[in-house]
Amino acid sequence: MARICDICGKRPSTGNNVSHANNKNKKVWYPNLQKVKAVNNGGVRSVKVCTRCIRSGAVTKAV
């Protein structure tokens, strides 16, 4: 399964770790995804959502 937020589409970003000696290693930063049971189209389903979407209220949690 992909590490992508089901609401906003946030996905892993890539770049380099750069040491003091200017050595470069590949690096991946992953979004903080949580599995949440949310109301979607009148039903409850489990979705992977980033914490920013949860905090902003973009997700309606199931009771």
PDB file of N, CA and C in Angstrom:
ATOM      1  N   MET A   1       0.842  -1.185   0.000  1.00  0.00           N
ATOM      2  CA  MET A   1       0.000   0.000   0.000  1.00  0.00           C
ATOM      3  C   MET A   1       0.887   1.249   0.000  1.00  0.00           C
ATOM      4  N   ALA A   2       0.455   2.245  -0.739  1.00  0.00           N
ATOM      5  CA  ALA A   2       1.229   3.468  -0.853  1.00  0.00           C
ATOM      6  C   ALA A   2       1.107   4.303   0.416  1.00  0.00           C
ATOM      7  N   ARG A   3       2.149   5.045   0.710  1.00  0.00           N
ATOM      8  CA  ARG A   3       2.146   5.934   1.876  1.00  0.00           C
ATOM      9  C   ARG A   3       1.665   7.302   1.448  1.00  0.00           C
ATOM     10  N   ILE A   4       0.378   7.372   1.111  1.00  0.00           N
ATOM     11  CA  ILE A   4      -0.216   8.614   0.614  1.00  0.00           C
ATOM     12  C   ILE A   4      -1.461   8.913   1.437  1.00  0.00           C
ATOM     13  N   CYS A   5      -1.629  10.178   1.825  1.00  0.00           N
ATOM     14  CA  CYS A   5      -2.817  10.603   2.559  1.00  0.00           C
ATOM     15  C   CYS A   5      -4.030  10.514   1.636  1.00  0.00           C
ATOM     16  N   ASP A   6      -5.101   9.873   2.123  1.00  0.00           N
ATOM     17  CA  ASP A   6      -6.302   9.706   1.315  1.00  0.00           C
ATOM     18  C   ASP A   6      -7.070  11.014   1.123  1.00  0.00           C
ATOM     19  N   ILE A   7      -6.812  12.023   1.943  1.00  0.00           N
ATOM     20  CA  ILE A   7      -7.539  13.288   1.849  1.00  0.00           C
ATOM     21  C   ILE A   7      -6.787  14.307   0.989  1.00  0.00           C
ATOM     22  N   CYS A   8      -5.567  14.629   1.374  1.00  0.00           N
ATOM     23  CA  CYS A   8      -4.841  15.705   0.693  1.00  0.00           C
ATOM     24  C   CYS A   8      -3.823  15.209  -0.324  1.00  0.00           C
ATOM     25  N   GLY A   9      -3.518  13.899  -0.317  1.00  0.00           N
ATOM     26  CA  GLY A   9      -2.572  13.369  -1.295  1.00  0.00           C
ATOM     27  C   GLY A   9      -1.121  13.585  -0.934  1.00  0.00           C
ATOM     28  N   LYS A  10      -0.853  13.937   0.321  1.00  0.00           N
ATOM     29  CA  LYS A  10       0.532  14.122   0.745  1.00  0.00           C
ATOM     30  C   LYS A  10       1.277  12.796   0.618  1.00  0.00           C
ATOM     31  N   ARG A  11       2.495  12.835   0.067  1.00  0.00           N
ATOM     32  CA  ARG A  11       3.257  11.629  -0.191  1.00  0.00           C
ATOM     33  C   ARG A  11       4.708  11.822   0.268  1.00  0.00           C
ATOM     34  N   PRO A  12       5.514  10.758   0.278  1.00  0.00           N
ATOM     35  CA  PRO A  12       6.905  10.899   0.704  1.00  0.00           C
ATOM     36  C   PRO A  12       7.659  11.881  -0.178  1.00  0.00           C
ATOM     37  N   SER A  13       8.545  12.659   0.450  1.00  0.00           N
ATOM     38  CA  SER A  13       9.402  13.560  -0.307  1.00  0.00           C
ATOM     39  C   SER A  13      10.837  13.060  -0.202  1.00  0.00           C
ATOM     40  N   THR A  14      11.616  13.313  -1.237  1.00  0.00           N
ATOM     41  CA  THR A  14      12.978  12.795  -1.292  1.00  0.00           C
ATOM     42  C   THR A  14      13.965  13.938  -1.371  1.00  0.00           C
ATOM     43  N   GLY A  15      15.191  13.613  -1.002  1.00  0.00           N
ATOM     44  CA  GLY A  15      16.265  14.593  -1.053  1.00  0.00           C
ATOM     45  C   GLY A  15      17.565  13.934  -0.625  1.00  0.00           C
ATOM     46  N   ASN A  16      18.472  14.721  -0.122  1.00  0.00           N
ATOM     47  CA  ASN A  16      19.776  14.221   0.290  1.00  0.00           C
ATOM     48  C   ASN A  16      20.057  14.566   1.741  1.00  0.00           C
ATOM     49  N   ASN A  17      20.680  13.629   2.456  1.00  0.00           N
ATOM     50  CA  ASN A  17      21.354  13.943   3.704  1.00  0.00           C
ATOM     51  C   ASN A  17      22.717  14.472   3.309  1.00  0.00           C
ATOM     52  N   VAL A  18      23.085  15.637   3.779  1.00  0.00           N
ATOM     53  CA  VAL A  18      24.373  16.217   3.417  1.00  0.00           C
ATOM     54  C   VAL A  18      25.216  16.325   4.678  1.00  0.00           C
ATOM     55  N   SER A  19      26.361  15.645   4.675  1.00  0.00           N
ATOM     56  CA  SER A  19      27.246  15.645   5.841  1.00  0.00           C
ATOM     57  C   SER A  19      28.117  16.905   5.847  1.00  0.00           C
ATOM     58  N   HIS A  20      28.852  17.061   6.933  1.00  0.00           N
ATOM     59  CA  HIS A  20      29.756  18.201   7.056  1.00  0.00           C
ATOM     60  C   HIS A  20      30.824  18.155   5.959  1.00  0.00           C
ATOM     61  N   ALA A  21      31.200  16.947   5.538  1.00  0.00           N
ATOM     62  CA  ALA A  21      32.181  16.777   4.466  1.00  0.00           C
ATOM     63  C   ALA A  21      31.535  16.839   3.078  1.00  0.00           C
ATOM     64  N   ASN A  22      30.269  17.239   3.034  1.00  0.00           N
ATOM     65  CA  ASN A  22      29.501  17.393   1.799  1.00  0.00           C
ATOM     66  C   ASN A  22      29.273  16.058   1.077  1.00  0.00           C
ATOM     67  N   ASN A  23      29.267  14.945   1.850  1.00  0.00           N
ATOM     68  CA  ASN A  23      28.856  13.661   1.284  1.00  0.00           C
ATOM     69  C   ASN A  23      27.339  13.642   1.220  1.00  0.00           C
ATOM     70  N   LYS A  24      26.813  13.110   0.135  1.00  0.00           N
ATOM     71  CA  LYS A  24      25.357  13.117  -0.051  1.00  0.00           C
ATOM     72  C   LYS A  24      24.826  11.694  -0.089  1.00  0.00           C
ATOM     73  N   ASN A  25      23.841  11.407   0.761  1.00  0.00           N
ATOM     74  CA  ASN A  25      23.148  10.123   0.784  1.00  0.00           C
ATOM     75  C   ASN A  25      21.677  10.365   0.517  1.00  0.00           C
ATOM     76  N   LYS A  26      21.061   9.450  -0.221  1.00  0.00           N
ATOM     77  CA  LYS A  26      19.632   9.587  -0.493  1.00  0.00           C
ATOM     78  C   LYS A  26      18.828   9.466   0.794  1.00  0.00           C
ATOM     79  N   LYS A  27      17.771  10.256   0.913  1.00  0.00           N
ATOM     80  CA  LYS A  27      16.961  10.308   2.116  1.00  0.00           C
ATOM     81  C   LYS A  27      15.504  10.443   1.709  1.00  0.00           C
ATOM     82  N   VAL A  28      14.614   9.793   2.468  1.00  0.00           N
ATOM     83  CA  VAL A  28      13.178   9.893   2.216  1.00  0.00           C
ATOM     84  C   VAL A  28      12.495  10.355   3.496  1.00  0.00           C
ATOM     85  N   TRP A  29      11.648  11.371   3.390  1.00  0.00           N
ATOM     86  CA  TRP A  29      10.846  11.839   4.518  1.00  0.00           C
ATOM     87  C   TRP A  29       9.417  11.393   4.289  1.00  0.00           C
ATOM     88  N   TYR A  30       8.879  10.650   5.259  1.00  0.00           N
ATOM     89  CA  TYR A  30       7.532  10.111   5.135  1.00  0.00           C
ATOM     90  C   TYR A  30       6.537  10.983   5.892  1.00  0.00           C
ATOM     91  N   PRO A  31       5.323  11.138   5.360  1.00  0.00           N
ATOM     92  CA  PRO A  31       4.305  11.883   6.099  1.00  0.00           C
ATOM     93  C   PRO A  31       3.832  11.087   7.305  1.00  0.00           C
ATOM     94  N   ASN A  32       3.352  11.783   8.318  1.00  0.00           N
ATOM     95  CA  ASN A  32       2.867  11.144   9.533  1.00  0.00           C
ATOM     96  C   ASN A  32       1.433  10.680   9.291  1.00  0.00           C
ATOM     97  N   LEU A  33       1.289   9.446   8.819  1.00  0.00           N
ATOM     98  CA  LEU A  33      -0.027   8.910   8.485  1.00  0.00           C
ATOM     99  C   LEU A  33      -0.568   8.076   9.628  1.00  0.00           C
ATOM    100  N   GLN A  34      -1.870   8.195   9.857  1.00  0.00           N
ATOM    101  CA  GLN A  34      -2.561   7.427  10.891  1.00  0.00           C
ATOM    102  C   GLN A  34      -3.745   6.728  10.250  1.00  0.00           C
ATOM    103  N   LYS A  35      -4.020   5.496  10.694  1.00  0.00           N
ATOM    104  CA  LYS A  35      -5.229   4.808  10.253  1.00  0.00           C
ATOM    105  C   LYS A  35      -6.375   5.266  11.132  1.00  0.00           C
ATOM    106  N   VAL A  36      -7.416   5.803  10.502  1.00  0.00           N
ATOM    107  CA  VAL A  36      -8.546   6.376  11.226  1.00  0.00           C
ATOM    108  C   VAL A  36      -9.827   5.822  10.619  1.00  0.00           C
ATOM    109  N   LYS A  37     -10.783   5.487  11.471  1.00  0.00           N
ATOM    110  CA  LYS A  37     -12.101   5.123  10.978  1.00  0.00           C
ATOM    111  C   LYS A  37     -12.884   6.414  10.782  1.00  0.00           C
ATOM    112  N   ALA A  38     -13.242   6.686   9.542  1.00  0.00           N
ATOM    113  CA  ALA A  38     -13.882   7.955   9.205  1.00  0.00           C
ATOM    114  C   ALA A  38     -15.184   7.710   8.466  1.00  0.00           C
ATOM    115  N   VAL A  39     -16.069   8.706   8.560  1.00  0.00           N
ATOM    116  CA  VAL A  39     -17.335   8.657   7.835  1.00  0.00           C
ATOM    117  C   VAL A  39     -17.051   9.103   6.406  1.00  0.00           C
ATOM    118  N   ASN A  40     -17.408   8.224   5.454  1.00  0.00           N
ATOM    119  CA  ASN A  40     -17.157   8.532   4.051  1.00  0.00           C
ATOM    120  C   ASN A  40     -18.345   8.061   3.227  1.00  0.00           C
ATOM    121  N   ASN A  41     -19.026   8.975   2.546  1.00  0.00           N
ATOM    122  CA  ASN A  41     -20.205   8.674   1.724  1.00  0.00           C
ATOM    123  C   ASN A  41     -21.289   7.947   2.517  1.00  0.00           C
ATOM    124  N   GLY A  42     -21.514   8.381   3.742  1.00  0.00           N
ATOM    125  CA  GLY A  42     -22.559   7.807   4.570  1.00  0.00           C
ATOM    126  C   GLY A  42     -22.169   6.528   5.280  1.00  0.00           C
ATOM    127  N   GLY A  43     -21.008   5.960   4.970  1.00  0.00           N
ATOM    128  CA  GLY A  43     -20.557   4.733   5.619  1.00  0.00           C
ATOM    129  C   GLY A  43     -19.245   4.966   6.346  1.00  0.00           C
ATOM    130  N   VAL A  44     -18.899   4.000   7.185  1.00  0.00           N
ATOM    131  CA  VAL A  44     -17.648   4.104   7.934  1.00  0.00           C
ATOM    132  C   VAL A  44     -16.613   3.235   7.248  1.00  0.00           C
ATOM    133  N   ARG A  45     -15.430   3.818   6.994  1.00  0.00           N
ATOM    134  CA  ARG A  45     -14.351   3.025   6.439  1.00  0.00           C
ATOM    135  C   ARG A  45     -13.030   3.495   7.007  1.00  0.00           C
ATOM    136  N   SER A  46     -12.062   2.603   7.006  1.00  0.00           N
ATOM    137  CA  SER A  46     -10.740   2.906   7.532  1.00  0.00           C
ATOM    138  C   SER A  46      -9.926   3.603   6.450  1.00  0.00           C
ATOM    139  N   VAL A  47      -9.370   4.760   6.778  1.00  0.00           N
ATOM    140  CA  VAL A  47      -8.575   5.523   5.819  1.00  0.00           C
ATOM    141  C   VAL A  47      -7.232   5.878   6.450  1.00  0.00           C
ATOM    142  N   LYS A  48      -6.236   6.062   5.573  1.00  0.00           N
ATOM    143  CA  LYS A  48      -4.933   6.535   6.029  1.00  0.00           C
ATOM    144  C   LYS A  48      -4.878   8.034   5.797  1.00  0.00           C
ATOM    145  N   VAL A  49      -4.708   8.798   6.878  1.00  0.00           N
ATOM    146  CA  VAL A  49      -4.808  10.243   6.812  1.00  0.00           C
ATOM    147  C   VAL A  49      -3.619  10.855   7.538  1.00  0.00           C
ATOM    148  N   CYS A  50      -3.080  11.946   7.011  1.00  0.00           N
ATOM    149  CA  CYS A  50      -1.979  12.631   7.694  1.00  0.00           C
ATOM    150  C   CYS A  50      -2.535  13.404   8.893  1.00  0.00           C
ATOM    151  N   THR A  51      -1.670  13.662   9.853  1.00  0.00           N
ATOM    152  CA  THR A  51      -2.108  14.305  11.087  1.00  0.00           C
ATOM    153  C   THR A  51      -2.575  15.738  10.844  1.00  0.00           C
ATOM    154  N   ARG A  52      -2.093  16.385   9.820  1.00  0.00           N
ATOM    155  CA  ARG A  52      -2.541  17.745   9.531  1.00  0.00           C
ATOM    156  C   ARG A  52      -4.006  17.751   9.114  1.00  0.00           C
ATOM    157  N   CYS A  53      -4.426  16.742   8.343  1.00  0.00           N
ATOM    158  CA  CYS A  53      -5.839  16.640   7.943  1.00  0.00           C
ATOM    159  C   CYS A  53      -6.715  16.330   9.151  1.00  0.00           C
ATOM    160  N   ILE A  54      -6.216  15.513  10.078  1.00  0.00           N
ATOM    161  CA  ILE A  54      -6.986  15.200  11.281  1.00  0.00           C
ATOM    162  C   ILE A  54      -7.156  16.454  12.130  1.00  0.00           C
ATOM    163  N   ARG A  55      -6.063  17.197  12.320  1.00  0.00           N
ATOM    164  CA  ARG A  55      -6.094  18.398  13.154  1.00  0.00           C
ATOM    165  C   ARG A  55      -6.972  19.479  12.552  1.00  0.00           C
ATOM    166  N   SER A  56      -6.945  19.625  11.229  1.00  0.00           N
ATOM    167  CA  SER A  56      -7.677  20.714  10.579  1.00  0.00           C
ATOM    168  C   SER A  56      -9.168  20.426  10.476  1.00  0.00           C
ATOM    169  N   GLY A  57      -9.571  19.187  10.752  1.00  0.00           N
ATOM    170  CA  GLY A  57     -10.991  18.843  10.677  1.00  0.00           C
ATOM    171  C   GLY A  57     -11.427  18.402   9.298  1.00  0.00           C
ATOM    172  N   ALA A  58     -10.489  18.055   8.436  1.00  0.00           N
ATOM    173  CA  ALA A  58     -10.837  17.589   7.095  1.00  0.00           C
ATOM    174  C   ALA A  58     -11.425  16.196   7.122  1.00  0.00           C
ATOM    175  N   VAL A  59     -11.260  15.500   8.265  1.00  0.00           N
ATOM    176  CA  VAL A  59     -11.767  14.135   8.418  1.00  0.00           C
ATOM    177  C   VAL A  59     -12.833  14.127   9.508  1.00  0.00           C
ATOM    178  N   THR A  60     -13.956  13.467   9.231  1.00  0.00           N
ATOM    179  CA  THR A  60     -14.983  13.291  10.237  1.00  0.00           C
ATOM    180  C   THR A  60     -14.815  11.902  10.820  1.00  0.00           C
ATOM    181  N   LYS A  61     -14.347  11.833  12.076  1.00  0.00           N
ATOM    182  CA  LYS A  61     -14.113  10.537  12.707  1.00  0.00           C
ATOM    183  C   LYS A  61     -15.439   9.854  13.029  1.00  0.00           C
ATOM    184  N   ALA A  62     -15.439   8.519  12.901  1.00  0.00           N
ATOM    185  CA  ALA A  62     -16.617   7.735  13.259  1.00  0.00           C
ATOM    186  C   ALA A  62     -16.688   7.582  14.763  1.00  0.00           C
ATOM    187  N   VAL A  63     -17.894   7.487  15.297  1.00  0.00           N
ATOM    188  CA  VAL A  63     -18.064   7.359  16.747  1.00  0.00           C
ATOM    189  C   VAL A  63     -17.934   5.927  17.176  1.00  0.00           C
TER     190      VAL A  63
END
